[in-house]
Amino acid sequence: MAAGRNTLSLAAIASVMGACALLFFFALEGATENPTDLSDTQGIPAVTMYTVMLIILTAASVALTGLGCLFQTLLRRRAFKWRLGGYVLANVLLFLTSLLGALVAAIYTYDTIPGVLGGLLFVFALVLVLIGVPRKSE
């Protein structure tokens, strides 16, 4: 039963984070290199750099969360502090990635519908991480 829950939670987190990455791609459509001087076309927009970093961090955090799900099944008979420590180590990158994604969405892409939806999905991923914290009764 616990293995099924871990698989479903990993699938939910991977789906939400993948949707966030796609929505950020659509939000980049009208990004300018220098918003204060539109004739300046040197370099790439800051939001593009943040999006690339978020995609790399998303892939790494989903992989680490997947490994954490495997370790949670191995630690299910251990003491509660071991299970909680394993969960924190496996999901700290996912939490920080979701937090960074929500901040980037709030700062750079608040004026587009895909940007707002991406930000909301990043907040939803934060909530999923907090809901998934192991409880003593499990």
N, C-alpha and C. Protein backbone atom coordinates (compact mmCIF):
# COMPACT_ATOMS: atom_id res chain seq x y z
N MET A 1 0.82 -1.19 0.00
CA MET A 1 0.00 0.00 0.00
C MET A 1 0.87 1.26 0.00
N ALA A 2 1.93 1.28 0.80
CA ALA A 2 2.79 2.46 0.87
C ALA A 2 3.56 2.65 -0.43
N ALA A 3 3.94 1.54 -1.09
CA ALA A 3 4.67 1.66 -2.36
C ALA A 3 3.78 2.28 -3.42
N GLY A 4 2.51 1.96 -3.43
CA GLY A 4 1.58 2.56 -4.37
C GLY A 4 1.40 4.04 -4.12
N ARG A 5 1.36 4.41 -2.85
CA ARG A 5 1.24 5.83 -2.50
C ARG A 5 2.47 6.59 -2.94
N ASN A 6 3.66 6.02 -2.75
CA ASN A 6 4.89 6.67 -3.17
C ASN A 6 4.94 6.84 -4.69
N THR A 7 4.50 5.82 -5.41
CA THR A 7 4.50 5.89 -6.87
C THR A 7 3.54 6.96 -7.36
N LEU A 8 2.36 7.02 -6.75
CA LEU A 8 1.39 8.03 -7.14
C LEU A 8 1.88 9.43 -6.80
N SER A 9 2.49 9.59 -5.64
CA SER A 9 2.98 10.91 -5.27
C SER A 9 4.12 11.35 -6.18
N LEU A 10 5.00 10.42 -6.56
CA LEU A 10 6.08 10.75 -7.48
C LEU A 10 5.52 11.12 -8.84
N ALA A 11 4.52 10.38 -9.30
CA ALA A 11 3.90 10.70 -10.59
C ALA A 11 3.22 12.07 -10.55
N ALA A 12 2.56 12.38 -9.45
CA ALA A 12 1.90 13.69 -9.32
C ALA A 12 2.92 14.82 -9.31
N ILE A 13 4.00 14.64 -8.57
CA ILE A 13 5.02 15.68 -8.50
C ILE A 13 5.70 15.86 -9.85
N ALA A 14 6.03 14.76 -10.52
CA ALA A 14 6.67 14.86 -11.83
C ALA A 14 5.75 15.53 -12.85
N SER A 15 4.46 15.22 -12.79
CA SER A 15 3.50 15.84 -13.71
C SER A 15 3.37 17.33 -13.46
N VAL A 16 3.26 17.71 -12.21
CA VAL A 16 3.12 19.13 -11.87
C VAL A 16 4.37 19.90 -12.28
N MET A 17 5.54 19.37 -11.98
CA MET A 17 6.78 20.07 -12.30
C MET A 17 7.00 20.13 -13.82
N GLY A 18 6.62 19.08 -14.54
CA GLY A 18 6.71 19.12 -16.00
C GLY A 18 5.78 20.15 -16.60
N ALA A 19 4.58 20.27 -16.05
CA ALA A 19 3.63 21.29 -16.52
C ALA A 19 4.17 22.68 -16.22
N CYS A 20 4.82 22.85 -15.08
CA CYS A 20 5.41 24.15 -14.74
C CYS A 20 6.46 24.54 -15.77
N ALA A 21 7.31 23.60 -16.14
CA ALA A 21 8.37 23.89 -17.10
C ALA A 21 7.78 24.26 -18.46
N LEU A 22 6.76 23.55 -18.90
CA LEU A 22 6.13 23.87 -20.17
C LEU A 22 5.46 25.23 -20.15
N LEU A 23 4.77 25.55 -19.07
CA LEU A 23 4.11 26.84 -18.98
C LEU A 23 5.12 27.99 -18.97
N PHE A 24 6.28 27.77 -18.39
CA PHE A 24 7.29 28.81 -18.41
C PHE A 24 7.84 29.03 -19.81
N PHE A 25 7.92 27.97 -20.62
CA PHE A 25 8.32 28.15 -22.01
C PHE A 25 7.35 29.06 -22.74
N PHE A 26 6.06 28.85 -22.55
CA PHE A 26 5.05 29.67 -23.22
C PHE A 26 5.07 31.10 -22.69
N ALA A 27 5.43 31.31 -21.45
CA ALA A 27 5.47 32.65 -20.87
C ALA A 27 6.65 33.46 -21.38
N LEU A 28 7.65 32.81 -21.97
CA LEU A 28 8.85 33.51 -22.46
C LEU A 28 8.65 34.16 -23.82
N GLU A 29 7.51 34.00 -24.42
CA GLU A 29 7.31 34.43 -25.79
C GLU A 29 7.61 35.92 -26.02
N GLY A 30 7.17 36.79 -25.16
CA GLY A 30 7.37 38.21 -25.38
C GLY A 30 8.47 38.83 -24.54
N ALA A 31 9.34 38.03 -23.98
CA ALA A 31 10.39 38.56 -23.10
C ALA A 31 11.43 39.33 -23.91
N THR A 32 11.81 40.50 -23.41
CA THR A 32 12.83 41.31 -24.06
C THR A 32 14.14 41.20 -23.30
N GLU A 33 15.23 41.49 -24.02
CA GLU A 33 16.55 41.39 -23.39
C GLU A 33 16.72 42.47 -22.33
N ASN A 34 16.28 43.69 -22.62
CA ASN A 34 16.42 44.81 -21.70
C ASN A 34 15.09 45.56 -21.67
N PRO A 35 14.27 45.34 -20.68
CA PRO A 35 12.95 45.97 -20.66
C PRO A 35 12.99 47.50 -20.59
N THR A 36 14.09 48.08 -20.10
CA THR A 36 14.16 49.54 -20.02
C THR A 36 14.56 50.18 -21.34
N ASP A 37 15.26 49.44 -22.20
CA ASP A 37 15.65 49.95 -23.51
C ASP A 37 15.35 48.87 -24.55
N LEU A 38 14.23 49.00 -25.24
CA LEU A 38 13.79 47.95 -26.16
C LEU A 38 14.67 47.83 -27.39
N SER A 39 15.47 48.85 -27.71
CA SER A 39 16.35 48.75 -28.87
C SER A 39 17.64 47.98 -28.53
N ASP A 40 17.90 47.74 -27.27
CA ASP A 40 19.07 46.97 -26.85
C ASP A 40 18.75 45.49 -27.00
N THR A 41 19.43 44.82 -27.91
CA THR A 41 19.13 43.41 -28.17
C THR A 41 20.34 42.52 -27.91
N GLN A 42 21.25 42.94 -27.06
CA GLN A 42 22.41 42.11 -26.74
C GLN A 42 22.11 41.27 -25.52
N GLY A 43 22.48 40.03 -25.58
CA GLY A 43 22.29 39.14 -24.45
C GLY A 43 20.95 38.41 -24.50
N ILE A 44 20.68 37.69 -23.45
CA ILE A 44 19.41 36.97 -23.34
C ILE A 44 18.65 37.50 -22.13
N PRO A 45 17.33 37.40 -22.15
CA PRO A 45 16.55 37.89 -21.01
C PRO A 45 16.84 37.11 -19.74
N ALA A 46 16.74 37.79 -18.62
CA ALA A 46 17.00 37.14 -17.33
C ALA A 46 16.00 36.02 -17.08
N VAL A 47 14.76 36.21 -17.49
CA VAL A 47 13.75 35.18 -17.26
C VAL A 47 14.08 33.91 -18.05
N THR A 48 14.75 34.05 -19.18
CA THR A 48 15.16 32.87 -19.95
C THR A 48 16.23 32.09 -19.19
N MET A 49 17.17 32.80 -18.59
CA MET A 49 18.20 32.12 -17.81
C MET A 49 17.59 31.41 -16.61
N TYR A 50 16.65 32.09 -15.93
CA TYR A 50 15.98 31.46 -14.80
C TYR A 50 15.18 30.24 -15.22
N THR A 51 14.56 30.32 -16.39
CA THR A 51 13.76 29.18 -16.87
C THR A 51 14.65 27.97 -17.15
N VAL A 52 15.79 28.20 -17.76
CA VAL A 52 16.72 27.10 -18.03
C VAL A 52 17.21 26.49 -16.71
N MET A 53 17.54 27.36 -15.75
CA MET A 53 17.97 26.85 -14.44
C MET A 53 16.84 26.06 -13.77
N LEU A 54 15.61 26.56 -13.88
CA LEU A 54 14.48 25.86 -13.27
C LEU A 54 14.23 24.50 -13.91
N ILE A 55 14.41 24.41 -15.22
CA ILE A 55 14.22 23.12 -15.89
C ILE A 55 15.27 22.12 -15.44
N ILE A 56 16.52 22.55 -15.33
CA ILE A 56 17.58 21.66 -14.87
C ILE A 56 17.33 21.25 -13.42
N LEU A 57 16.97 22.22 -12.57
CA LEU A 57 16.68 21.90 -11.18
C LEU A 57 15.45 21.01 -11.03
N THR A 58 14.48 21.21 -11.91
CA THR A 58 13.27 20.38 -11.87
C THR A 58 13.62 18.93 -12.18
N ALA A 59 14.41 18.71 -13.22
CA ALA A 59 14.80 17.34 -13.55
C ALA A 59 15.59 16.69 -12.42
N ALA A 60 16.52 17.44 -11.84
CA ALA A 60 17.32 16.89 -10.74
C ALA A 60 16.46 16.63 -9.51
N SER A 61 15.53 17.53 -9.21
CA SER A 61 14.72 17.35 -8.00
C SER A 61 13.72 16.20 -8.15
N VAL A 62 13.18 16.01 -9.35
CA VAL A 62 12.27 14.87 -9.55
C VAL A 62 13.05 13.56 -9.45
N ALA A 63 14.27 13.53 -9.99
CA ALA A 63 15.10 12.32 -9.87
C ALA A 63 15.44 12.04 -8.41
N LEU A 64 15.80 13.07 -7.66
CA LEU A 64 16.12 12.89 -6.24
C LEU A 64 14.89 12.47 -5.45
N THR A 65 13.74 13.01 -5.79
CA THR A 65 12.51 12.60 -5.12
C THR A 65 12.19 11.14 -5.43
N GLY A 66 12.45 10.71 -6.66
CA GLY A 66 12.26 9.30 -7.01
C GLY A 66 13.15 8.38 -6.20
N LEU A 67 14.41 8.77 -6.04
CA LEU A 67 15.31 7.99 -5.18
C LEU A 67 14.83 8.00 -3.74
N GLY A 68 14.29 9.14 -3.31
CA GLY A 68 13.75 9.24 -1.96
C GLY A 68 12.57 8.31 -1.74
N CYS A 69 11.74 8.13 -2.78
CA CYS A 69 10.62 7.19 -2.66
C CYS A 69 11.13 5.76 -2.47
N LEU A 70 12.21 5.43 -3.18
CA LEU A 70 12.80 4.10 -3.00
C LEU A 70 13.35 3.93 -1.58
N PHE A 71 14.03 4.95 -1.08
CA PHE A 71 14.58 4.87 0.27
C PHE A 71 13.48 4.85 1.32
N GLN A 72 12.36 5.50 1.05
CA GLN A 72 11.25 5.47 2.00
C GLN A 72 10.69 4.06 2.16
N THR A 73 10.66 3.30 1.07
CA THR A 73 10.19 1.92 1.19
C THR A 73 11.20 1.07 1.98
N LEU A 74 12.50 1.39 1.83
CA LEU A 74 13.50 0.65 2.60
C LEU A 74 13.48 1.04 4.08
N LEU A 75 13.10 2.28 4.37
CA LEU A 75 13.13 2.78 5.74
C LEU A 75 11.78 2.67 6.45
N ARG A 76 10.82 2.01 5.85
CA ARG A 76 9.47 2.03 6.44
C ARG A 76 9.40 1.29 7.78
N ARG A 77 10.33 0.41 8.07
CA ARG A 77 10.33 -0.28 9.35
C ARG A 77 11.29 0.36 10.37
N ARG A 78 11.93 1.44 9.97
CA ARG A 78 12.85 2.14 10.86
C ARG A 78 12.10 3.12 11.75
N ALA A 79 12.83 3.75 12.62
CA ALA A 79 12.25 4.74 13.53
C ALA A 79 11.75 5.95 12.73
N PHE A 80 10.82 6.67 13.33
CA PHE A 80 10.20 7.81 12.66
C PHE A 80 11.21 8.88 12.27
N LYS A 81 12.22 9.13 13.11
CA LYS A 81 13.19 10.18 12.80
C LYS A 81 14.02 9.83 11.56
N TRP A 82 14.25 8.53 11.32
CA TRP A 82 14.96 8.11 10.12
C TRP A 82 14.12 8.37 8.88
N ARG A 83 12.83 8.04 8.96
CA ARG A 83 11.94 8.27 7.82
C ARG A 83 11.79 9.76 7.53
N LEU A 84 11.66 10.55 8.58
CA LEU A 84 11.53 12.00 8.40
C LEU A 84 12.81 12.60 7.82
N GLY A 85 13.95 12.16 8.32
CA GLY A 85 15.23 12.64 7.79
C GLY A 85 15.43 12.27 6.33
N GLY A 86 15.07 11.05 5.96
CA GLY A 86 15.16 10.63 4.56
C GLY A 86 14.25 11.44 3.66
N TYR A 87 13.05 11.74 4.16
CA TYR A 87 12.10 12.53 3.38
C TYR A 87 12.63 13.95 3.18
N VAL A 88 13.17 14.53 4.22
CA VAL A 88 13.70 15.90 4.12
C VAL A 88 14.87 15.95 3.15
N LEU A 89 15.79 15.01 3.25
CA LEU A 89 16.95 14.99 2.35
C LEU A 89 16.54 14.78 0.90
N ALA A 90 15.52 13.94 0.68
CA ALA A 90 15.10 13.64 -0.68
C ALA A 90 14.28 14.77 -1.30
N ASN A 91 13.63 15.58 -0.49
CA ASN A 91 12.71 16.57 -1.04
C ASN A 91 13.12 18.02 -0.81
N VAL A 92 14.27 18.27 -0.22
CA VAL A 92 14.69 19.65 0.00
C VAL A 92 14.94 20.36 -1.33
N LEU A 93 15.51 19.68 -2.31
CA LEU A 93 15.75 20.29 -3.61
C LEU A 93 14.44 20.59 -4.32
N LEU A 94 13.48 19.69 -4.21
CA LEU A 94 12.17 19.93 -4.82
C LEU A 94 11.48 21.14 -4.18
N PHE A 95 11.58 21.25 -2.87
CA PHE A 95 10.99 22.38 -2.16
C PHE A 95 11.63 23.69 -2.60
N LEU A 96 12.97 23.72 -2.66
CA LEU A 96 13.66 24.94 -3.05
C LEU A 96 13.42 25.29 -4.52
N THR A 97 13.33 24.28 -5.39
CA THR A 97 13.03 24.53 -6.79
C THR A 97 11.64 25.11 -6.95
N SER A 98 10.68 24.57 -6.22
CA SER A 98 9.32 25.09 -6.29
C SER A 98 9.25 26.52 -5.76
N LEU A 99 9.99 26.79 -4.71
CA LEU A 99 10.01 28.14 -4.16
C LEU A 99 10.63 29.12 -5.15
N LEU A 100 11.74 28.73 -5.78
CA LEU A 100 12.38 29.58 -6.79
C LEU A 100 11.45 29.79 -7.98
N GLY A 101 10.77 28.74 -8.40
CA GLY A 101 9.83 28.87 -9.52
C GLY A 101 8.68 29.81 -9.21
N ALA A 102 8.16 29.73 -8.00
CA ALA A 102 7.07 30.63 -7.62
C ALA A 102 7.56 32.08 -7.57
N LEU A 103 8.78 32.30 -7.09
CA LEU A 103 9.33 33.65 -7.05
C LEU A 103 9.61 34.20 -8.44
N VAL A 104 10.14 33.38 -9.33
CA VAL A 104 10.40 33.82 -10.70
C VAL A 104 9.08 34.13 -11.41
N ALA A 105 8.08 33.33 -11.17
CA ALA A 105 6.77 33.59 -11.78
C ALA A 105 6.18 34.89 -11.25
N ALA A 106 6.35 35.14 -9.97
CA ALA A 106 5.80 36.37 -9.38
C ALA A 106 6.56 37.61 -9.85
N ILE A 107 7.85 37.47 -10.12
CA ILE A 107 8.65 38.64 -10.50
C ILE A 107 8.61 38.90 -12.00
N TYR A 108 8.76 37.86 -12.83
CA TYR A 108 8.95 38.07 -14.26
C TYR A 108 7.73 37.77 -15.12
N THR A 109 6.92 36.80 -14.77
CA THR A 109 5.87 36.37 -15.70
C THR A 109 4.47 36.56 -15.15
N TYR A 110 4.29 37.55 -14.28
CA TYR A 110 2.98 37.79 -13.69
C TYR A 110 1.98 38.37 -14.68
N ASP A 111 2.43 38.86 -15.83
CA ASP A 111 1.54 39.51 -16.77
C ASP A 111 1.06 38.59 -17.90
N THR A 112 1.44 37.32 -17.85
CA THR A 112 0.97 36.37 -18.86
C THR A 112 0.19 35.25 -18.18
N ILE A 113 -0.76 34.70 -18.89
CA ILE A 113 -1.57 33.62 -18.34
C ILE A 113 -0.72 32.37 -18.08
N PRO A 114 0.14 31.94 -19.03
CA PRO A 114 0.99 30.77 -18.71
C PRO A 114 1.92 31.02 -17.53
N GLY A 115 2.40 32.25 -17.36
CA GLY A 115 3.27 32.55 -16.23
C GLY A 115 2.54 32.44 -14.91
N VAL A 116 1.31 32.94 -14.87
CA VAL A 116 0.52 32.85 -13.64
C VAL A 116 0.18 31.40 -13.34
N LEU A 117 -0.21 30.64 -14.37
CA LEU A 117 -0.52 29.23 -14.16
C LEU A 117 0.72 28.44 -13.72
N GLY A 118 1.87 28.76 -14.31
CA GLY A 118 3.12 28.11 -13.87
C GLY A 118 3.44 28.43 -12.43
N GLY A 119 3.25 29.69 -12.04
CA GLY A 119 3.49 30.07 -10.64
C GLY A 119 2.55 29.35 -9.70
N LEU A 120 1.28 29.24 -10.09
CA LEU A 120 0.31 28.52 -9.25
C LEU A 120 0.67 27.04 -9.13
N LEU A 121 1.16 26.45 -10.21
CA LEU A 121 1.57 25.05 -10.15
C LEU A 121 2.81 24.86 -9.29
N PHE A 122 3.71 25.82 -9.32
CA PHE A 122 4.87 25.73 -8.42
C PHE A 122 4.42 25.81 -6.96
N VAL A 123 3.46 26.67 -6.67
CA VAL A 123 2.92 26.74 -5.31
C VAL A 123 2.23 25.42 -4.96
N PHE A 124 1.52 24.82 -5.93
CA PHE A 124 0.88 23.53 -5.72
C PHE A 124 1.91 22.45 -5.42
N ALA A 125 3.06 22.50 -6.10
CA ALA A 125 4.14 21.54 -5.82
C ALA A 125 4.68 21.74 -4.40
N LEU A 126 4.77 22.99 -3.95
CA LEU A 126 5.17 23.24 -2.56
C LEU A 126 4.20 22.59 -1.59
N VAL A 127 2.90 22.73 -1.89
CA VAL A 127 1.88 22.14 -1.02
C VAL A 127 1.97 20.62 -1.05
N LEU A 128 2.24 20.04 -2.22
CA LEU A 128 2.39 18.57 -2.31
C LEU A 128 3.55 18.08 -1.46
N VAL A 129 4.64 18.82 -1.45
CA VAL A 129 5.80 18.42 -0.63
C VAL A 129 5.42 18.46 0.84
N LEU A 130 4.71 19.50 1.25
CA LEU A 130 4.32 19.61 2.66
C LEU A 130 3.28 18.57 3.05
N ILE A 131 2.39 18.22 2.13
CA ILE A 131 1.38 17.19 2.44
C ILE A 131 2.02 15.82 2.57
N GLY A 132 3.08 15.57 1.81
CA GLY A 132 3.70 14.26 1.79
C GLY A 132 4.61 13.94 2.96
N VAL A 133 4.76 14.85 3.90
CA VAL A 133 5.64 14.61 5.05
C VAL A 133 5.13 13.39 5.81
N PRO A 134 6.01 12.42 6.13
CA PRO A 134 5.56 11.23 6.86
C PRO A 134 5.01 11.57 8.23
N ARG A 135 4.03 10.79 8.63
CA ARG A 135 3.44 10.98 9.95
C ARG A 135 3.84 9.82 10.86
N LYS A 136 3.73 10.02 12.15
CA LYS A 136 4.14 8.99 13.09
C LYS A 136 3.29 7.74 12.98
N SER A 137 2.05 7.88 12.60
CA SER A 137 1.14 6.72 12.58
C SER A 137 1.41 5.79 11.42
N GLU A 138 2.18 6.23 10.40
CA GLU A 138 2.41 5.37 9.22
C GLU A 138 3.47 4.34 9.49
